[in-house]
Amino acid sequence: MKAYLTAIAAMVVITVAAPFVLDQIGFSAADAGSGSAVRLD
């Protein structure tokens, strides 16, 4: 039971922190959808 609760807690922390971390390192949706390599035909 302890391992299960630890896994759930880790999943919650990763889920909450992921958007902030990815935005800080440049993997946000805005960064991925804009730039010189994006074609807007």
Protein backbone atom coordinates (compact mmCIF):
# COMPACT_ATOMS: atom_id res chain seq x y z
CA MET A 1 0.00 0.00 0.00
CA LYS A 2 2.89 2.36 0.74
CA ALA A 3 4.32 1.91 -2.76
CA TYR A 4 0.91 2.58 -4.30
CA LEU A 5 0.46 5.84 -2.40
CA THR A 6 4.00 6.92 -3.25
CA ALA A 7 3.32 6.28 -6.94
CA ILE A 8 0.08 8.27 -6.80
CA ALA A 9 1.85 11.17 -5.07
CA ALA A 10 4.64 11.13 -7.68
CA MET A 11 2.09 11.11 -10.49
CA VAL A 12 0.30 14.13 -9.03
CA VAL A 13 3.56 16.06 -8.60
CA ILE A 14 4.66 15.30 -12.18
CA THR A 15 1.24 16.22 -13.57
CA VAL A 16 1.20 19.57 -11.78
CA ALA A 17 4.84 20.48 -12.44
CA ALA A 18 5.14 19.39 -16.08
CA PRO A 19 3.44 22.39 -17.75
CA PHE A 20 5.56 24.88 -15.81
CA VAL A 21 8.84 23.06 -16.44
CA LEU A 22 8.14 22.52 -20.14
CA ASP A 23 7.20 26.18 -20.58
CA GLN A 24 10.46 27.28 -18.91
CA ILE A 25 12.67 25.13 -21.16
CA GLY A 26 10.91 26.12 -24.40
CA PHE A 27 8.63 23.17 -25.12
CA SER A 28 5.35 25.07 -24.84
CA ALA A 29 2.68 24.86 -27.53
CA ALA A 30 3.33 28.47 -28.51
CA ASP A 31 7.03 27.80 -29.03
CA ALA A 32 6.38 24.61 -30.96
CA GLY A 33 3.84 26.28 -33.27
CA SER A 34 5.87 29.33 -34.19
CA GLY A 35 9.29 30.07 -35.56
CA SER A 36 11.15 30.03 -38.84
CA ALA A 37 10.54 26.32 -39.50
CA VAL A 38 6.73 26.61 -39.36
CA ARG A 39 5.00 26.94 -42.73
CA LEU A 40 1.80 28.96 -42.81
CA ASP A 41 0.52 28.24 -46.32
